[in-house]
Protein backbone atom coordinates (compact mmCIF):
# COMPACT_ATOMS: atom_id res chain seq x y z
CA MET A 1 -96.32 -42.80 -13.94
CA ASN A 2 -98.24 -45.03 -16.48
CA ILE A 3 -97.21 -42.91 -19.40
CA SER A 4 -93.37 -42.70 -18.18
CA VAL A 5 -92.42 -46.47 -19.14
CA PRO A 6 -93.72 -46.43 -22.88
CA MET A 7 -92.25 -43.13 -23.20
CA VAL A 8 -88.85 -44.29 -21.89
CA TRP A 9 -89.31 -47.47 -24.30
CA LYS A 10 -90.18 -45.41 -27.21
CA LYS A 11 -87.05 -43.04 -26.66
CA ALA A 12 -84.82 -46.08 -26.21
CA LYS A 13 -86.18 -47.74 -29.22
CA ASN A 14 -85.57 -44.34 -31.23
CA SER A 15 -82.19 -43.75 -30.15
CA THR A 16 -79.20 -43.63 -32.34
CA ILE A 17 -75.80 -44.99 -32.22
CA GLU A 18 -74.43 -41.62 -31.36
CA ASP A 19 -76.88 -41.53 -28.26
CA PHE A 20 -75.41 -44.70 -27.14
CA ILE A 21 -71.82 -43.40 -27.54
CA TYR A 22 -72.88 -40.39 -25.37
CA ALA A 23 -74.44 -42.47 -22.78
CA GLY A 24 -71.22 -44.20 -22.24
CA PHE A 25 -69.27 -41.33 -21.72
CA VAL A 26 -71.96 -40.04 -19.33
CA CYS A 27 -71.47 -43.31 -17.17
CA SER A 28 -67.67 -42.70 -17.60
CA LEU A 29 -67.84 -39.31 -16.17
CA PHE A 30 -69.97 -40.23 -13.43
CA SER A 31 -67.70 -42.99 -12.49
CA LEU A 32 -64.43 -40.94 -12.68
CA PRO A 33 -63.97 -40.26 -9.13
CA PHE A 34 -64.25 -44.00 -8.24
CA GLY A 35 -60.76 -44.81 -9.51
CA THR A 36 -59.09 -45.56 -13.26
CA SER A 37 -60.95 -48.56 -14.19
CA PRO A 38 -64.77 -47.65 -14.07
CA PRO A 39 -64.38 -44.63 -16.39
CA ILE A 40 -62.02 -46.60 -18.86
CA ILE A 41 -64.52 -49.49 -18.96
CA PHE A 42 -67.33 -47.26 -19.88
CA ALA A 43 -65.32 -44.88 -22.34
CA SER A 44 -63.89 -47.97 -24.08
CA LEU A 45 -67.38 -49.44 -24.63
CA ALA A 46 -68.34 -46.00 -26.28
CA VAL A 47 -65.07 -46.55 -28.21
CA LEU A 48 -65.72 -49.68 -29.27
CA LEU A 49 -69.25 -48.83 -30.59
CA TRP A 50 -67.81 -45.69 -32.55
CA LEU A 51 -65.24 -47.82 -34.28
CA PHE A 52 -67.25 -51.00 -35.21
CA SER A 53 -70.49 -48.93 -36.17
CA GLY A 54 -68.10 -46.93 -38.76
CA LYS A 55 -68.79 -43.53 -36.91
CA PHE A 56 -65.29 -42.73 -36.63
CA PHE A 57 -65.08 -42.62 -40.36
CA THR A 58 -68.73 -41.29 -41.40
CA LEU A 59 -68.29 -38.37 -38.62
CA ARG A 60 -64.70 -37.60 -39.30
CA HIS A 61 -65.25 -34.02 -40.63
CA TYR A 62 -66.40 -33.17 -36.97
CA TYR A 63 -62.88 -33.52 -35.65
CA ILE A 64 -60.47 -33.75 -38.36
CA GLY A 65 -59.25 -30.26 -39.47
CA LYS A 66 -60.82 -28.47 -36.76
CA LYS A 67 -58.55 -25.58 -35.19
CA TRP A 68 -58.70 -27.56 -31.91
CA PHE A 69 -57.63 -31.03 -33.36
CA TRP A 70 -53.85 -29.71 -34.54
CA PRO A 71 -52.27 -29.57 -31.10
CA ILE A 72 -53.93 -32.74 -30.32
CA LEU A 73 -52.52 -34.42 -33.24
CA ALA A 74 -49.00 -33.14 -32.24
CA LEU A 75 -49.26 -34.54 -28.76
CA ILE A 76 -50.26 -37.99 -30.27
CA LEU A 77 -47.31 -37.94 -32.71
CA LEU A 78 -44.54 -36.56 -30.37
CA PRO A 79 -44.22 -39.76 -28.05
CA TRP A 80 -44.13 -41.96 -31.01
CA ILE A 81 -41.37 -39.78 -32.73
CA GLY A 82 -39.71 -39.68 -29.46
CA LEU A 83 -39.67 -43.35 -29.12
CA THR A 84 -37.31 -43.50 -32.44
CA TYR A 85 -34.21 -41.83 -30.14
CA SER A 86 -35.16 -43.12 -26.74
CA SER A 87 -32.80 -45.67 -25.02
CA ASP A 88 -35.77 -47.09 -22.95
CA VAL A 89 -37.92 -48.09 -26.12
CA SER A 90 -39.05 -51.48 -24.74
CA GLY A 91 -39.74 -49.95 -21.15
CA LEU A 92 -41.12 -46.66 -20.16
CA GLY A 93 -40.62 -45.36 -23.81
CA ILE A 94 -43.54 -47.64 -25.09
CA LYS A 95 -45.34 -47.27 -21.81
CA PHE A 96 -45.66 -43.67 -22.11
CA ALA A 97 -46.31 -43.68 -26.03
CA LYS A 98 -49.03 -45.91 -25.62
CA LYS A 99 -50.72 -43.49 -23.23
CA THR A 100 -51.81 -41.65 -26.43
CA HIS A 101 -54.59 -43.92 -26.98
CA TYR A 102 -56.47 -41.49 -24.23
CA TRP A 103 -57.04 -39.19 -27.28
CA ILE A 104 -59.33 -41.70 -28.77
CA TYR A 105 -61.75 -40.89 -26.29
CA CYS A 106 -61.44 -37.27 -27.28
CA LEU A 107 -62.21 -37.84 -30.94
CA SER A 108 -64.99 -40.32 -30.35
CA LEU A 109 -66.54 -37.95 -28.16
CA ALA A 110 -66.00 -34.93 -30.49
CA SER A 111 -67.35 -36.84 -33.22
CA VAL A 112 -71.12 -36.75 -31.43
CA CYS A 113 -70.86 -33.27 -30.34
CA TYR A 114 -72.28 -31.84 -33.94
CA GLN A 115 -75.88 -32.48 -32.70
CA ARG A 116 -75.58 -30.12 -29.72
CA ARG A 117 -76.64 -32.77 -27.19
CA SER A 118 -77.49 -31.55 -23.75
CA PHE A 119 -73.66 -31.40 -22.17
CA GLN A 120 -75.55 -30.89 -18.77
CA TYR A 121 -76.00 -34.65 -18.43
CA LEU A 122 -72.09 -35.00 -18.71
CA ILE A 123 -71.34 -32.29 -16.35
CA VAL A 124 -74.03 -33.44 -13.84
CA ALA A 125 -72.99 -36.85 -13.97
CA PHE A 126 -69.39 -35.58 -13.12
CA ILE A 127 -70.88 -33.55 -10.15
CA ALA A 128 -72.92 -36.59 -9.02
CA GLY A 129 -70.21 -38.96 -9.12
CA LEU A 130 -68.07 -36.62 -6.90
CA THR A 131 -70.97 -35.93 -4.55
CA VAL A 132 -71.45 -39.79 -3.95
CA ASN A 133 -67.71 -40.34 -3.30
CA ALA A 134 -67.75 -37.26 -0.87
CA PHE A 135 -70.27 -38.77 1.16
CA ILE A 136 -68.27 -41.98 1.37
CA GLY A 137 -65.44 -39.88 2.19
CA LEU A 138 -67.39 -38.11 4.90
CA PHE A 139 -68.62 -41.42 6.51
CA GLN A 140 -64.87 -42.78 6.67
CA PHE A 141 -63.67 -39.40 8.29
CA MET A 142 -66.74 -40.13 10.70
CA GLY A 143 -65.47 -43.60 11.17
CA ILE A 144 -68.63 -45.07 9.87
CA LEU A 145 -66.73 -46.78 7.02
CA SER A 146 -63.22 -47.77 7.12
CA PRO A 147 -60.62 -45.42 5.39
CA VAL A 148 -58.38 -46.54 2.47
CA ASP A 149 -54.99 -46.99 4.00
CA GLY A 150 -55.71 -44.07 6.58
CA TRP A 151 -57.08 -41.99 3.86
CA TYR A 152 -60.77 -40.69 3.43
CA LEU A 153 -60.87 -41.25 -0.50
CA GLY A 154 -64.27 -42.74 -0.84
CA LEU A 155 -64.12 -45.45 -3.49
CA SER A 156 -60.89 -43.64 -5.24
CA SER A 157 -57.49 -45.42 -4.95
CA GLY A 158 -55.33 -42.20 -4.57
CA TYR A 159 -55.87 -38.65 -3.68
CA SER A 160 -53.97 -36.81 -6.38
CA ALA A 161 -56.46 -37.01 -9.25
CA LEU A 162 -59.37 -36.96 -7.04
CA SER A 163 -58.08 -33.74 -5.21
CA VAL A 164 -57.97 -32.12 -8.79
CA PHE A 165 -61.46 -33.20 -9.48
CA LEU A 166 -62.69 -31.84 -6.37
CA VAL A 167 -61.29 -28.50 -7.01
CA ILE A 168 -63.00 -28.56 -10.59
CA GLY A 169 -66.16 -29.69 -8.66
CA VAL A 170 -66.19 -26.89 -6.32
CA LEU A 171 -65.67 -24.35 -9.15
CA MET A 172 -68.38 -25.67 -11.36
CA THR A 173 -70.98 -25.81 -8.43
CA SER A 174 -69.95 -21.88 -7.68
CA PHE A 175 -70.92 -21.17 -11.33
CA TYR A 176 -74.54 -23.06 -10.88
CA PHE A 177 -74.87 -21.09 -7.73
CA ARG A 178 -74.30 -17.95 -9.91
CA GLU A 179 -76.71 -18.81 -12.32
CA GLU A 180 -79.28 -19.95 -10.02
CA ASN A 181 -82.22 -17.73 -8.94
CA LYS A 182 -84.36 -19.82 -6.77
CA SER A 183 -83.29 -19.47 -3.10
CA LEU A 184 -83.92 -23.15 -2.07
CA ASN A 185 -81.77 -24.32 -5.30
CA ARG A 186 -78.78 -22.04 -4.14
CA PHE A 187 -79.09 -23.38 -0.70
CA VAL A 188 -78.61 -26.90 -2.02
CA LEU A 189 -75.84 -25.88 -4.07
CA GLY A 190 -73.90 -24.06 -1.32
CA LEU A 191 -74.24 -27.35 0.96
CA LEU A 192 -72.85 -29.28 -2.05
CA MET A 193 -70.07 -27.00 -2.51
CA GLY A 194 -69.41 -27.14 1.11
CA LEU A 195 -69.23 -30.99 0.92
CA LEU A 196 -66.86 -31.05 -1.83
CA PHE A 197 -64.86 -28.55 -0.33
CA PHE A 198 -64.56 -30.47 2.87
CA HIS A 199 -63.72 -33.70 1.11
CA LEU A 200 -60.88 -31.60 -0.63
CA ILE A 201 -59.49 -30.29 2.87
CA ILE A 202 -59.25 -33.92 4.21
CA LEU A 203 -57.36 -35.27 1.47
CA GLU A 204 -53.66 -34.76 1.05
CA GLY A 205 -53.26 -33.25 -2.29
CA ARG A 206 -50.95 -30.04 -1.68
CA ALA A 207 -51.19 -29.59 -5.50
CA ALA A 208 -55.00 -29.07 -5.31
CA TYR A 209 -54.62 -26.96 -1.96
CA LEU A 210 -52.26 -24.58 -4.47
CA SER A 211 -54.93 -24.95 -7.35
CA LEU A 212 -57.68 -24.04 -5.25
CA ILE A 213 -56.05 -20.86 -3.90
CA LEU A 214 -54.89 -19.72 -7.23
CA LEU A 215 -58.33 -20.11 -8.86
CA SER A 216 -60.16 -18.90 -5.65
CA PRO A 217 -60.89 -15.54 -7.31
CA MET A 218 -63.15 -17.38 -9.84
CA ILE A 219 -65.21 -18.95 -6.94
CA ILE A 220 -65.24 -15.62 -5.09
CA ARG A 221 -66.67 -13.90 -8.37
CA ASN A 222 -69.37 -16.53 -8.66
CA LEU A 223 -70.64 -16.37 -5.01
CA PHE A 224 -70.16 -12.47 -4.25
CA HIS A 225 -70.30 -11.14 -7.73
CA GLY A 226 -69.55 -7.31 -7.82
CA ILE A 227 -68.41 -7.18 -4.09
CA GLY A 228 -65.17 -5.39 -5.02
CA MET A 229 -61.46 -6.13 -4.55
CA THR A 230 -61.23 -5.51 -0.92
CA LYS A 231 -64.03 -7.64 0.26
CA GLY A 232 -62.84 -10.31 -2.43
CA LEU A 233 -59.27 -10.15 -0.66
CA ILE A 234 -60.98 -10.78 2.73
CA THR A 235 -63.12 -13.75 1.64
CA ILE A 236 -59.97 -15.21 0.30
CA VAL A 237 -58.49 -14.96 3.65
CA VAL A 238 -61.55 -16.57 5.12
CA LEU A 239 -61.22 -19.53 2.57
CA LEU A 240 -57.46 -19.84 3.69
CA GLY A 241 -58.89 -19.71 7.30
CA LEU A 242 -61.35 -22.48 6.65
CA MET A 243 -58.73 -24.69 5.04
CA ALA A 244 -56.64 -24.26 8.06
CA LEU A 245 -59.19 -25.66 10.31
CA SER A 246 -58.45 -28.94 8.78
CA PRO A 247 -55.65 -31.03 10.52
CA VAL A 248 -54.59 -32.58 7.24
CA VAL A 249 -54.26 -29.37 5.56
CA ARG A 250 -52.20 -27.97 8.51
CA ASP A 251 -50.16 -30.92 8.81
CA ARG A 252 -49.22 -30.70 5.05
CA VAL A 253 -48.64 -26.88 5.24
CA ALA A 254 -46.24 -27.68 8.28
CA LYS A 255 -44.46 -30.32 6.46
CA SER A 256 -44.01 -28.18 3.46
CA ILE A 257 -42.47 -25.57 5.58
CA GLU A 258 -40.39 -27.77 7.24
CA GLN A 259 -39.14 -29.24 4.03
CA ILE A 260 -38.12 -25.67 2.78
CA GLN A 261 -36.41 -24.85 5.99
CA TYR A 262 -34.26 -28.16 5.38
CA HIS A 263 -33.07 -26.95 1.98
CA ILE A 264 -32.44 -23.46 3.54
CA ASN A 265 -30.04 -24.85 6.03
CA ALA A 266 -28.71 -27.89 3.90
CA PRO A 267 -24.97 -27.57 2.62
CA SER A 268 -24.87 -25.75 -0.90
CA ASP A 269 -23.73 -28.80 -2.74
CA SER A 270 -26.93 -30.72 -1.81
CA ALA A 271 -29.73 -28.27 -1.06
CA TRP A 272 -32.48 -27.62 -3.51
CA GLY A 273 -32.26 -30.99 -5.16
CA LYS A 274 -28.53 -31.03 -6.05
CA LYS A 275 -28.76 -34.62 -3.97
CA TYR A 276 -31.63 -36.64 -3.49
CA SER A 277 -33.56 -36.02 -0.32
CA ASP A 278 -36.83 -37.37 0.99
CA GLN A 279 -37.20 -33.76 2.58
CA GLN A 280 -38.45 -32.91 -0.98
CA ASP A 281 -37.97 -35.22 -3.81
CA ARG A 282 -39.42 -32.73 -6.31
CA PHE A 283 -36.63 -30.48 -6.18
CA TYR A 284 -34.37 -33.47 -7.03
CA MET A 285 -36.45 -34.16 -9.90
CA TRP A 286 -36.90 -30.53 -11.23
CA ASN A 287 -33.38 -29.65 -10.62
CA HIS A 288 -31.90 -32.75 -12.67
CA ALA A 289 -34.77 -32.29 -15.37
CA VAL A 290 -33.53 -28.78 -16.11
CA LYS A 291 -30.08 -30.08 -16.45
CA ILE A 292 -31.06 -32.69 -18.84
CA PHE A 293 -33.12 -30.13 -21.10
CA ILE A 294 -29.92 -27.62 -20.98
CA LYS A 295 -27.90 -30.60 -22.43
CA ASN A 296 -30.77 -31.71 -25.10
CA PRO A 297 -32.62 -28.53 -25.78
CA PHE A 298 -34.00 -29.19 -29.22
CA LEU A 299 -35.22 -32.56 -29.50
CA GLY A 300 -34.97 -33.78 -25.67
CA ILE A 301 -33.77 -37.42 -24.97
CA GLY A 302 -36.94 -39.09 -26.19
CA THR A 303 -39.91 -40.74 -24.74
CA GLY A 304 -39.37 -42.34 -21.15
CA ASP A 305 -35.88 -41.70 -21.14
CA TYR A 306 -35.90 -39.72 -17.95
CA GLN A 307 -35.43 -42.52 -15.68
CA THR A 308 -32.51 -43.93 -17.57
CA GLU A 309 -30.71 -40.77 -17.69
CA MET A 310 -31.27 -40.16 -13.94
CA VAL A 311 -29.72 -43.55 -13.12
CA LYS A 312 -26.63 -42.78 -15.21
CA THR A 313 -26.14 -39.23 -13.87
CA GLY A 314 -28.16 -38.66 -10.89
CA ASP A 315 -27.67 -39.39 -7.28
CA PRO A 316 -26.70 -43.44 -7.12
CA ASP A 317 -28.90 -43.47 -3.62
CA ALA A 318 -32.01 -41.99 -5.41
CA PRO A 319 -34.82 -44.50 -5.90
CA LEU A 320 -36.13 -44.96 -9.48
CA ILE A 321 -37.94 -42.00 -10.75
CA ALA A 322 -40.24 -42.45 -14.00
CA HIS A 323 -40.77 -38.52 -14.66
CA PRO A 324 -40.19 -35.01 -13.36
CA HIS A 325 -43.63 -34.81 -11.85
CA ASN A 326 -44.14 -31.50 -13.75
CA ASN A 327 -45.94 -31.34 -17.13
CA ILE A 328 -43.67 -28.45 -18.58
CA LEU A 329 -40.44 -30.63 -17.63
CA TYR A 330 -41.60 -33.80 -18.84
CA MET A 331 -42.30 -32.42 -22.06
CA ALA A 332 -38.77 -30.38 -22.01
CA VAL A 333 -36.96 -33.25 -21.04
CA SER A 334 -38.56 -35.71 -23.61
CA PHE A 335 -39.03 -33.61 -26.73
CA GLY A 336 -37.21 -30.41 -25.84
CA ILE A 337 -38.21 -27.01 -26.82
CA ILE A 338 -40.85 -28.42 -29.59
CA GLY A 339 -42.48 -30.36 -26.79
CA ILE A 340 -42.79 -27.21 -24.54
CA ALA A 341 -44.35 -25.34 -27.74
CA VAL A 342 -46.76 -28.13 -28.30
CA LEU A 343 -48.00 -28.18 -24.71
CA PHE A 344 -48.53 -24.53 -24.49
CA TRP A 345 -50.15 -24.71 -27.74
CA PHE A 346 -52.72 -27.26 -26.48
CA PHE A 347 -53.54 -25.52 -23.27
CA TRP A 348 -53.62 -22.15 -25.14
CA GLU A 349 -56.17 -23.36 -27.47
CA ILE A 350 -58.46 -25.15 -24.89
CA THR A 351 -58.26 -22.09 -22.87
CA ALA A 352 -58.91 -19.68 -25.30
CA ASN A 353 -61.79 -21.49 -27.04
CA ALA A 354 -63.42 -21.90 -23.60
CA TRP A 355 -62.88 -18.40 -22.44
CA ARG A 356 -64.86 -17.20 -25.18
CA GLU A 357 -67.82 -18.95 -24.02
CA ARG A 358 -66.95 -18.77 -20.31
CA ASN A 359 -70.47 -17.56 -19.53
CA THR A 360 -71.92 -20.97 -20.74
CA GLU A 361 -72.10 -24.01 -18.64
CA LEU A 362 -69.88 -26.02 -21.43
CA GLY A 363 -67.45 -23.02 -21.84
CA TYR A 364 -66.99 -22.54 -17.98
CA PHE A 365 -66.61 -26.19 -17.60
CA LEU A 366 -63.68 -26.50 -19.95
CA LEU A 367 -62.12 -23.47 -18.79
CA ILE A 368 -61.86 -24.62 -15.03
CA ILE A 369 -60.56 -28.30 -16.24
CA SER A 370 -57.81 -26.47 -18.32
CA LEU A 371 -56.83 -24.14 -15.69
CA ALA A 372 -56.93 -26.62 -12.78
CA ILE A 373 -55.00 -29.41 -14.78
CA PHE A 374 -52.33 -26.88 -15.68
CA VAL A 375 -51.74 -25.54 -12.49
CA SER A 376 -51.51 -28.77 -10.61
CA GLY A 377 -49.45 -30.02 -13.44
CA LEU A 378 -46.81 -27.65 -12.01
CA VAL A 379 -46.21 -30.03 -9.46
CA ASN A 380 -47.28 -33.52 -11.03
CA THR A 381 -47.21 -34.82 -14.41
CA GLN A 382 -50.92 -34.76 -15.07
CA ILE A 383 -50.72 -35.63 -18.65
CA LEU A 384 -49.22 -39.06 -17.88
CA ASP A 385 -51.50 -39.80 -14.75
CA ALA A 386 -54.27 -42.11 -15.88
CA ASN A 387 -57.31 -40.18 -14.56
CA THR A 388 -56.20 -36.75 -15.43
CA ALA A 389 -54.89 -37.46 -18.80
CA PHE A 390 -58.43 -39.35 -19.65
CA PHE A 391 -60.33 -36.36 -18.16
CA LEU A 392 -58.08 -33.80 -20.15
CA ALA A 393 -58.88 -35.75 -23.40
CA ILE A 394 -62.56 -35.67 -22.65
CA ALA A 395 -62.48 -31.98 -22.06
CA ALA A 396 -60.51 -31.53 -25.36
CA GLY A 397 -63.01 -33.57 -27.29
CA LEU A 398 -65.94 -31.23 -25.79
CA GLN A 399 -64.64 -28.30 -27.65
CA GLN A 400 -66.76 -29.40 -30.44
CA GLY A 401 -69.66 -28.94 -28.57
CA LEU A 402 -68.82 -25.02 -28.36
CA LYS A 403 -70.94 -22.72 -30.50
CA ARG A 404 -68.04 -21.67 -32.51
CA PHE A 405 -67.24 -25.19 -33.66
CA SER A 406 -70.73 -26.80 -33.40
CA ASN A 407 -72.23 -24.35 -35.42
CA GLU A 408 -69.76 -24.66 -38.43
CA THR A 409 -71.08 -26.50 -41.39
CA PRO A 410 -68.94 -29.71 -42.37
């Protein structure tokens, strides 16, 4: 104990600028489940240090020109190019274009990846933050603490991004479970996985339920490696049964069935999103997004112009809708075929890079982030949501920590 203090002091004294930048991102990932502001504050401090120290320039060769860098550059440029032909430049156009600042976090984190720091700190910080928040959510569920507007969100302000983070947390803890040999540690990891799973199923995130089901084979492989297809299918059924024990899940599933039945029985001129209905507003968003894309297939209608176009051509009784709640349709409407191509290019690049190193801690972490956000992005515009867009940018920057990139000589 007497040695630890001087050792910590010596380590802090010998810390480099890159260490402090890295520490800022560790704190950011820990606070990610707590809402939008805390992780942005920590990451912004790291970026300011990155900028004012000149590391953005001296370490530029660790991100500029890398294979993973080019689709990110395209994602940065597209919204600003789309702003030039948008009819809502001063409104949603500039608001959405400004969201490209999230990619600054990506580049600053990537620039300190060259020293191959222990990325376990980043991942463990993320899991630790989820765990703290899940305990608070559990206490809210038990009535010990007050819920947030009737939801068991913990310290978070919304369930959409949090539920996606919990899916990623469950997948990552299952990976640790697979890699761990000690029985006690596996037991603790099993309890942690159960806690995160429980927090997920008491939230109302249907997109996350879908992501968990579609990605459940990865969890089963980690928990029961080599059990065979039949036993794997049985395990999936058991997982669905556990989810069905939650009254929140049952309520959301019942509501989804009710909404689909509404559209099956509705008149043909209003069903499946032809007219706005609160029975399933996403059908309305998607239906008109496809129509807008068909009319403007090459360049789209510009950044942030979806709402303006919907007011002109959509149902006059519909509320204002900023985006189509789908990553692909958002890119299609805004930037046409080029936008779709850039989006798939980005997800293909990060998924392919992570897949090559899927048996490593960092590779698996990046793989499940890309898959979870892509799948949940089919029903939400995750590349615009502050928390998921930020997390995706962090994941993109961490690609530089993969062996194939960090071992490259500048």
